[in-house]
Protein backbone atom coordinates (compact mmCIF):
# COMPACT_ATOMS: atom_id res chain seq x y z
CA MET A 1 11.76 -14.57 -9.00
CA HIS A 2 15.32 -15.32 -8.84
CA GLY A 3 15.80 -12.27 -8.30
CA TRP A 4 14.52 -12.55 -5.30
CA ARG A 5 16.85 -15.92 -4.26
CA ARG A 6 19.57 -13.35 -2.88
CA HIS A 7 17.42 -11.91 -0.68
CA ALA A 8 15.12 -15.25 0.94
CA PRO A 9 16.85 -18.46 -0.10
CA ASP A 10 13.48 -19.83 2.06
CA LEU A 11 11.98 -19.71 -0.74
CA LEU A 12 11.10 -22.39 -3.29
CA LEU A 13 9.31 -21.76 -6.48
CA HIS A 14 7.88 -25.20 -7.34
CA ASP A 15 6.64 -25.57 -11.18
CA PRO A 16 8.51 -22.90 -12.60
CA GLY A 17 6.14 -21.76 -15.77
CA GLY A 18 4.13 -24.28 -15.65
CA ALA A 19 0.19 -24.65 -14.38
CA ALA A 20 0.67 -24.78 -11.12
CA GLU A 21 3.57 -22.35 -10.57
CA THR A 22 3.61 -21.30 -7.19
CA VAL A 23 6.42 -20.19 -4.26
CA VAL A 24 6.73 -21.81 -0.82
CA ARG A 25 8.73 -22.11 1.93
CA ARG A 26 11.14 -24.48 0.90
CA GLY A 27 10.62 -27.81 3.70
CA GLU A 28 7.83 -26.92 5.84
CA LEU A 29 4.32 -28.42 5.78
CA LEU A 30 1.53 -27.62 7.81
CA LEU A 31 -0.99 -29.49 9.75
CA THR A 32 -4.42 -28.61 10.55
CA ALA A 33 -4.41 -29.57 14.23
CA GLN A 34 -7.10 -32.95 13.30
CA HIS A 35 -4.28 -34.64 11.79
CA ALA A 36 -1.48 -32.80 13.34
CA SER A 37 -0.65 -36.16 15.60
CA GLU A 38 -0.98 -38.73 13.07
CA GLU A 39 0.11 -37.08 9.88
CA LEU A 40 3.57 -36.44 12.76
CA ASP A 41 3.89 -40.03 13.36
CA ARG A 42 3.37 -41.06 9.76
CA LEU A 43 6.26 -38.55 8.85
CA GLY A 44 8.29 -39.76 11.26
CA SER A 45 11.58 -39.19 10.68
CA TRP A 46 11.16 -36.58 7.80
CA VAL A 47 11.09 -34.36 10.26
CA ASP A 48 13.34 -31.81 11.75
CA ALA A 49 11.13 -29.57 13.78
CA VAL A 50 7.46 -28.84 15.24
CA HIS A 51 6.32 -25.64 16.67
CA HIS A 52 2.65 -25.02 17.73
CA HIS A 53 0.52 -22.46 15.85
CA GLU A 54 -1.87 -23.13 19.18
CA GLY A 55 -5.01 -19.71 17.88
CA LEU A 56 -4.64 -21.64 14.41
CA GLY A 57 -4.89 -25.26 15.04
CA LEU A 58 -1.88 -25.85 13.74
CA ALA A 59 1.11 -27.07 13.48
CA ARG A 60 4.43 -26.08 11.34
CA ALA A 61 6.72 -29.23 10.96
CA ARG A 62 9.91 -28.39 9.14
CA LEU A 63 11.72 -30.89 7.18
CA ARG A 64 14.88 -32.53 7.23
CA THR A 65 17.55 -31.54 4.90
CA SER A 66 17.21 -34.02 1.94
CA GLU A 67 13.54 -33.71 1.52
CA ARG A 68 13.19 -29.64 1.45
CA GLU A 69 13.05 -29.74 -2.32
CA ARG A 70 9.55 -31.89 -1.93
CA CYS A 71 7.24 -30.47 0.34
CA VAL A 72 4.88 -30.01 -2.18
CA GLU A 73 4.37 -32.96 -3.56
CA ILE A 74 4.52 -34.70 0.43
CA ALA A 75 1.70 -32.91 0.88
CA ARG A 76 0.33 -34.55 -2.14
CA GLU A 77 0.92 -37.47 -0.98
CA ARG A 78 -0.53 -36.91 2.39
CA GLY A 79 -4.00 -34.90 1.24
CA ALA A 80 -6.34 -33.53 3.55
CA GLY A 81 -5.16 -31.59 6.76
CA VAL A 82 -1.22 -31.24 5.43
CA SER A 83 -0.07 -28.24 3.47
CA ALA A 84 2.56 -26.66 1.92
CA ASN A 85 3.45 -22.60 3.87
CA HIS A 86 2.68 -20.78 0.42
CA VAL A 87 4.63 -17.65 -0.01
CA HIS A 88 1.81 -14.55 -0.21
CA ILE A 89 3.60 -11.28 -1.68
CA GLY A 90 3.20 -7.95 -1.77
CA SER A 91 0.98 -7.01 -4.89
CA ALA A 92 2.96 -3.79 -6.59
CA VAL A 93 3.90 -4.07 -9.45
CA LEU A 94 7.41 -3.07 -9.18
CA HIS A 95 10.15 -4.26 -6.97
CA GLY A 96 12.94 -1.40 -6.47
CA SER A 97 12.01 1.78 -6.74
CA PRO A 98 8.16 3.04 -6.89
CA VAL A 99 8.21 5.70 -9.14
CA LEU A 100 7.49 3.46 -12.65
CA PHE A 101 8.94 3.86 -15.38
CA GLY A 102 12.71 3.13 -14.78
CA THR A 103 13.00 7.09 -13.93
CA GLY A 104 15.36 7.22 -11.38
CA ALA A 105 14.02 10.62 -9.27
CA GLN A 106 13.16 9.24 -5.72
CA ALA A 107 9.52 8.86 -3.84
CA ALA A 108 9.72 12.02 -2.91
CA ASP A 109 10.48 13.40 -6.38
CA CYS A 110 6.89 12.68 -7.55
CA PRO A 111 3.94 15.64 -7.50
CA PRO A 112 2.46 15.41 -4.47
CA VAL A 113 -1.31 14.84 -3.61
CA PRO A 114 -2.70 17.24 -1.14
CA ALA A 115 -3.13 15.66 1.91
CA PRO A 116 -6.35 13.75 3.62
CA ALA A 117 -9.00 16.33 5.36
CA ALA A 118 -8.09 16.18 9.00
CA GLU A 119 -11.08 14.50 9.93
CA LEU A 120 -12.77 12.54 12.93
CA TRP A 121 -16.03 10.47 12.14
CA GLU A 122 -18.18 9.42 14.87
CA PRO A 123 -18.94 6.63 15.41
CA PRO A 124 -15.80 5.73 14.33
CA VAL A 125 -14.85 3.17 11.15
CA LEU A 126 -11.88 1.95 11.22
CA VAL A 127 -9.61 -0.33 8.94
CA GLY A 128 -7.07 -2.65 9.27
CA VAL A 129 -4.52 -2.94 7.45
CA LEU A 130 -2.45 -5.89 7.02
CA ASP A 131 0.00 -4.80 5.30
CA THR A 132 4.30 -2.93 5.83
CA GLY A 133 3.72 -1.50 8.56
CA LEU A 134 2.86 2.23 8.83
CA ASP A 135 5.29 4.92 9.41
CA PRO A 136 4.56 8.84 10.85
CA HIS A 137 4.52 10.35 8.03
CA PRO A 138 3.30 13.90 7.82
CA TRP A 139 -0.72 12.45 6.93
CA PHE A 140 -1.10 10.76 9.50
CA ALA A 141 1.51 11.70 13.08
CA GLU A 142 -0.66 13.89 13.85
CA ARG A 143 -4.18 12.33 14.30
CA PRO A 144 -6.07 11.10 17.65
CA TRP A 145 -6.08 7.45 16.44
CA PHE A 146 -2.26 7.21 14.98
CA ARG A 147 -0.58 3.79 16.38
CA GLN A 148 3.14 3.79 14.75
CA VAL A 149 3.97 -0.05 13.76
CA ARG A 150 7.65 1.66 12.20
CA GLU A 151 8.39 0.70 8.82
CA GLU A 152 11.76 -1.81 7.93
CA LEU A 153 13.62 0.24 5.04
CA ASP A 154 16.43 -1.95 4.59
CA ALA A 155 16.05 -5.79 6.52
CA ASP A 156 19.01 -6.71 4.39
CA GLY A 157 21.43 -4.39 4.21
CA ASP A 158 22.57 -3.99 1.69
CA ALA A 159 22.33 0.03 1.95
CA GLY A 160 19.29 0.71 0.07
CA GLN A 161 16.21 0.27 0.71
CA ASP A 162 13.90 -2.44 -0.18
CA ARG A 163 11.55 -3.02 -2.73
CA HIS A 164 8.15 -2.87 -0.92
CA ALA A 165 9.68 -0.90 1.80
CA GLY A 166 6.98 2.54 2.92
CA HIS A 167 4.57 -0.33 1.10
CA GLY A 168 2.03 0.01 4.37
CA THR A 169 2.71 3.93 4.54
CA PHE A 170 1.53 4.17 0.90
CA VAL A 171 -1.65 1.91 1.50
CA ALA A 172 -2.56 3.25 4.04
CA GLY A 173 -2.48 6.96 2.71
CA LEU A 174 -4.52 6.09 0.21
CA VAL A 175 -7.62 4.56 2.41
CA LEU A 176 -7.09 8.21 4.06
CA GLN A 177 -7.82 9.63 0.68
CA ARG A 178 -11.38 7.49 -0.12
CA ALA A 179 -11.91 7.74 2.95
CA PRO A 180 -10.41 11.06 5.16
CA GLY A 181 -12.04 10.26 8.85
CA ALA A 182 -11.39 6.51 8.82
CA VAL A 183 -9.53 5.06 11.92
CA VAL A 184 -6.21 2.55 10.17
CA ARG A 185 -4.97 0.64 12.43
CA ALA A 186 -1.74 -1.49 11.01
CA SER A 187 -0.40 -4.47 11.81
CA ARG A 188 2.81 -5.99 9.92
CA ALA A 189 2.90 -9.33 8.25
CA LEU A 190 4.30 -8.99 5.05
CA SER A 191 8.09 -7.76 4.63
CA SER A 192 9.37 -5.25 3.20
CA LEU A 193 11.36 -7.45 0.11
CA GLY A 194 7.80 -8.17 -0.29
CA PHE A 195 7.13 -11.63 1.28
CA THR A 196 4.95 -13.11 3.68
CA ASP A 197 3.39 -16.36 4.05
CA ASP A 198 -0.04 -18.45 5.24
CA VAL A 199 0.82 -18.65 8.95
CA ARG A 200 2.00 -15.07 9.01
CA VAL A 201 -1.29 -13.89 7.56
CA ALA A 202 -3.63 -16.16 8.92
CA GLU A 203 -1.96 -14.45 12.13
CA GLY A 204 -2.94 -10.53 11.04
CA LEU A 205 -6.62 -11.86 10.28
CA ARG A 206 -7.03 -13.38 13.63
CA SER A 207 -5.79 -10.12 15.16
CA PHE A 208 -8.26 -8.18 13.49
CA ALA A 209 -11.26 -10.02 14.76
CA GLY A 210 -13.83 -8.58 16.73
CA ARG A 211 -11.29 -4.89 16.03
CA VAL A 212 -12.05 -3.29 13.45
CA ASP A 213 -15.06 -2.43 10.73
CA VAL A 214 -12.95 -3.18 7.41
CA VAL A 215 -9.76 -5.35 6.88
CA LEU A 216 -7.06 -4.86 3.77
CA VAL A 217 -4.34 -7.43 3.00
CA THR A 218 -2.31 -6.17 -0.34
CA SER A 219 -0.61 -9.57 -0.58
CA GLY A 220 -1.71 -13.24 -1.79
CA CYS A 221 -0.39 -16.16 -2.96
CA ARG A 222 -1.11 -18.60 -5.34
CA THR A 223 -1.63 -22.79 -4.53
CA PRO A 224 -0.40 -25.72 -6.46
CA ASP A 225 -3.72 -27.28 -7.28
CA ASP A 226 -5.68 -23.83 -6.97
CA ALA A 227 -7.51 -24.30 -3.78
CA CYS A 228 -7.60 -22.27 -0.68
CA PRO A 229 -4.39 -22.96 1.99
CA PRO A 230 -6.30 -24.96 4.88
CA ALA A 231 -4.69 -22.10 6.35
CA LEU A 232 -6.56 -19.25 5.52
CA ARG A 233 -9.89 -21.11 5.31
CA SER A 234 -11.42 -20.59 9.09
CA ALA A 235 -8.88 -17.25 9.31
CA VAL A 236 -11.48 -14.39 8.03
CA PRO A 237 -12.62 -12.75 10.92
CA ASP A 238 -16.38 -12.41 10.97
CA GLY A 239 -18.47 -8.77 10.79
CA ALA A 240 -15.83 -7.02 9.30
CA VAL A 241 -15.74 -6.77 5.14
CA VAL A 242 -12.50 -8.52 4.12
CA VAL A 243 -10.94 -6.59 0.99
CA ALA A 244 -7.39 -7.48 -0.64
CA ALA A 245 -6.03 -7.33 -3.57
CA ALA A 246 -6.42 -9.96 -6.60
CA GLY A 247 -2.46 -9.72 -8.11
CA ASN A 248 -0.16 -8.83 -10.42
CA HIS A 249 -0.12 -11.79 -12.47
CA GLY A 250 -2.48 -10.89 -14.96
CA SER A 251 -4.47 -14.64 -14.83
CA SER A 252 -7.45 -15.79 -14.17
CA ARG A 253 -5.80 -18.31 -11.40
CA PRO A 254 -7.10 -17.89 -8.06
CA PHE A 255 -5.33 -15.42 -5.79
CA TRP A 256 -5.43 -16.76 -1.89
CA PRO A 257 -7.59 -15.19 -0.28
CA ALA A 258 -9.23 -12.63 -2.51
CA ALA A 259 -10.60 -14.95 -3.98
CA LEU A 260 -12.68 -16.33 -0.58
CA PRO A 261 -16.36 -16.43 -0.45
CA GLY A 262 -17.17 -13.54 1.31
CA VAL A 263 -13.73 -11.14 0.62
CA LEU A 264 -14.22 -8.63 -1.78
CA ALA A 265 -11.15 -8.85 -4.05
CA VAL A 266 -10.46 -5.83 -6.39
CA GLY A 267 -8.27 -5.46 -9.66
CA ALA A 268 -7.23 -2.84 -11.63
CA THR A 269 -7.80 -0.81 -14.28
CA GLY A 270 -5.32 1.51 -16.23
CA SER A 271 -6.35 5.54 -16.95
CA ASN A 272 -8.42 5.01 -19.31
CA GLY A 273 -10.86 2.45 -17.35
CA ASP A 274 -9.72 -0.73 -18.56
CA ARG A 275 -8.47 -3.34 -16.91
CA ALA A 276 -4.46 -3.01 -16.17
CA GLU A 277 -2.52 -5.65 -18.32
CA PHE A 278 -1.14 -7.06 -15.25
CA SER A 279 -3.60 -7.20 -13.13
CA ASN A 280 -5.30 -10.96 -12.34
CA ARG A 281 -9.35 -10.77 -13.57
CA GLY A 282 -11.79 -14.05 -13.29
CA ASP A 283 -15.23 -14.90 -12.16
CA TRP A 284 -13.61 -14.12 -7.95
CA VAL A 285 -12.67 -10.84 -9.47
CA ASP A 286 -15.63 -8.49 -7.42
CA ALA A 287 -14.29 -5.08 -7.94
CA ALA A 288 -11.85 -2.64 -9.24
CA ALA A 289 -10.29 1.10 -9.10
CA PRO A 290 -7.04 2.60 -10.30
CA GLY A 291 -4.19 0.46 -10.07
CA VAL A 292 -1.28 2.53 -12.47
CA ASP A 293 0.96 5.70 -10.93
CA VAL A 294 -0.97 5.63 -8.27
CA VAL A 295 0.05 8.66 -5.82
CA SER A 296 0.03 8.31 -2.41
CA SER A 297 2.57 8.73 1.63
CA HIS A 298 5.91 7.56 1.12
CA VAL A 299 9.15 6.95 3.57
CA ASP A 300 12.28 7.40 1.87
CA LEU A 301 15.60 6.61 3.65
CA VAL A 302 17.90 9.58 3.27
CA PRO A 303 20.36 8.91 0.80
CA GLY A 304 23.89 7.75 2.95
CA LYS A 305 22.04 8.51 6.31
CA PRO A 306 21.03 4.52 7.21
CA ASP A 307 19.42 6.40 10.71
CA GLU A 308 17.52 9.71 9.19
CA ARG A 309 13.87 9.31 6.85
CA THR A 310 12.08 12.06 4.86
CA TYR A 311 8.95 11.52 3.83
CA GLY A 312 6.86 12.47 0.57
CA CYS A 313 4.40 10.98 -1.90
CA ALA A 314 5.57 8.16 -4.94
CA ARG A 315 3.66 6.94 -7.67
CA TRP A 316 3.27 3.34 -7.53
CA SER A 317 1.73 0.74 -9.70
CA GLY A 318 -1.04 -2.17 -9.05
CA THR A 319 -3.60 -4.26 -7.22
CA SER A 320 -2.41 -3.53 -3.85
CA PHE A 321 -3.21 0.03 -4.69
CA ALA A 322 -6.84 -0.46 -6.20
CA ALA A 323 -7.61 -2.40 -3.44
CA PRO A 324 -7.48 0.52 -0.70
CA GLN A 325 -8.55 2.83 -2.27
CA ILE A 326 -12.54 0.21 -2.65
CA ALA A 327 -11.32 -0.29 1.27
CA GLY A 328 -11.79 3.63 2.00
CA ALA A 329 -14.91 3.05 -0.39
CA VAL A 330 -16.84 0.04 2.24
CA ALA A 331 -15.41 2.59 5.21
CA GLU A 332 -16.81 5.53 3.63
CA MET A 333 -20.55 3.41 3.21
CA LEU A 334 -20.53 2.18 6.54
CA HIS A 335 -19.96 5.71 8.47
CA GLN A 336 -23.16 6.61 6.78
CA GLY A 337 -25.21 4.01 7.89
CA LEU A 338 -24.72 1.20 5.34
CA GLY A 339 -24.46 -2.30 7.40
CA ALA A 340 -21.67 -4.41 6.57
CA GLY A 341 -23.06 -6.60 3.86
CA GLU A 342 -24.78 -3.83 2.22
CA ALA A 343 -21.96 -1.78 2.43
CA ALA A 344 -19.92 -4.98 0.32
CA ALA A 345 -22.35 -5.03 -2.16
CA ALA A 346 -22.68 -1.62 -2.59
CA ALA A 347 -18.93 -2.01 -3.35
CA ARG A 348 -19.53 -4.45 -6.41
CA ASP A 349 -22.36 -2.41 -7.51
CA ARG A 350 -20.83 1.00 -8.04
CA HIS A 351 -17.18 0.22 -9.08
CA PRO A 352 -17.55 -3.57 -10.81
CA PHE A 353 -14.82 -4.99 -12.70
CA GLY A 354 -16.42 -7.34 -14.65
CA GLY A 355 -17.48 -3.93 -17.05
CA CYS A 356 -14.10 -2.80 -16.86
CA TRP A 357 -13.13 -6.68 -17.99
CA ARG A 358 -15.75 -5.96 -21.06
CA ASP A 359 -14.57 -2.98 -22.40
CA HIS A 360 -11.04 -4.41 -22.98
CA GLU A 361 -12.21 -7.15 -23.99
CA SER A 362 -14.45 -5.33 -26.65
CA THR A 363 -11.56 -3.24 -27.17
CA ARG A 364 -8.87 -5.55 -27.86
CA ALA A 365 -11.41 -6.89 -30.50
CA SER A 366 -12.47 -4.15 -32.03
CA ARG A 367 -8.39 -2.93 -32.45
CA THR A 368 -7.55 -6.15 -34.32
CA SER A 369 -10.41 -7.15 -36.24
């Protein structure tokens, strides 16, 4: 967290190292519409500004400077209808180069994998990807459905590629590797530094309602009381299979929106099929896919030429890269004629997380006994 503060001074780490550790937007409160007027009256002069998000049924209140460090405590005191604005973090393990183990190699130096086949399914199966964007990588640029959502690669202006830059392009490539005939619709909700929040995720989820068959979310958050953020409870679109990364804390604490009932939460396995050490776990995790040393499409800044980009393959790890493989598997099953509920259930059955976790535990026990 300390290394990120230079780039994101508006973030606040609550209870660092404790059981309630959470990252929130410093000094922001979210109020549900039915409680907003009453709570704003009670908060009175503590509030500097209010922004209403009509489509979400939320008001976002900005606390005055003297109270901003206390936003989590104030939300807890107020109770139902008031929460902090939780920060969601992209679920990639490495922050910086997507090449594993600090080799120093450029992303384009990664051994390439074959481009997905140039298929187009009829009827179309649409996969909405809530991430950093989608650049015109050769894997996508000539497909008839392609709509560019240009990646921001250097948001902080330090003449270097940001830690999550290219994440969305990488994730979309993984969807197509599994479901080459799918149509990808990208929506930018995650910054190139790897951050978003309850409001932007809820807006992104709502934007896909009625428009796609599968929704993929590769970021998530934890909360002080491990309860789902109110902003997300009603934002998950009906009628689509929602797939979300389970997070990389190596913990069983719920990670939202993955832990929501009805969302397909995806953990990561390593090369041996066991649970990856970094992957979150728990009975709320539904499925698993490889998430270590995964190779996919990537976009990279050309050194010394900030206006030029190069396209190739990169190698990355995280539950962010397990989830799109399950999203692709769901899309493939929808293409084969399964309904949304049937496809989600089949993904759980065919790619179970529980089995890999039990195998991991039994293997560890045998090594230490």
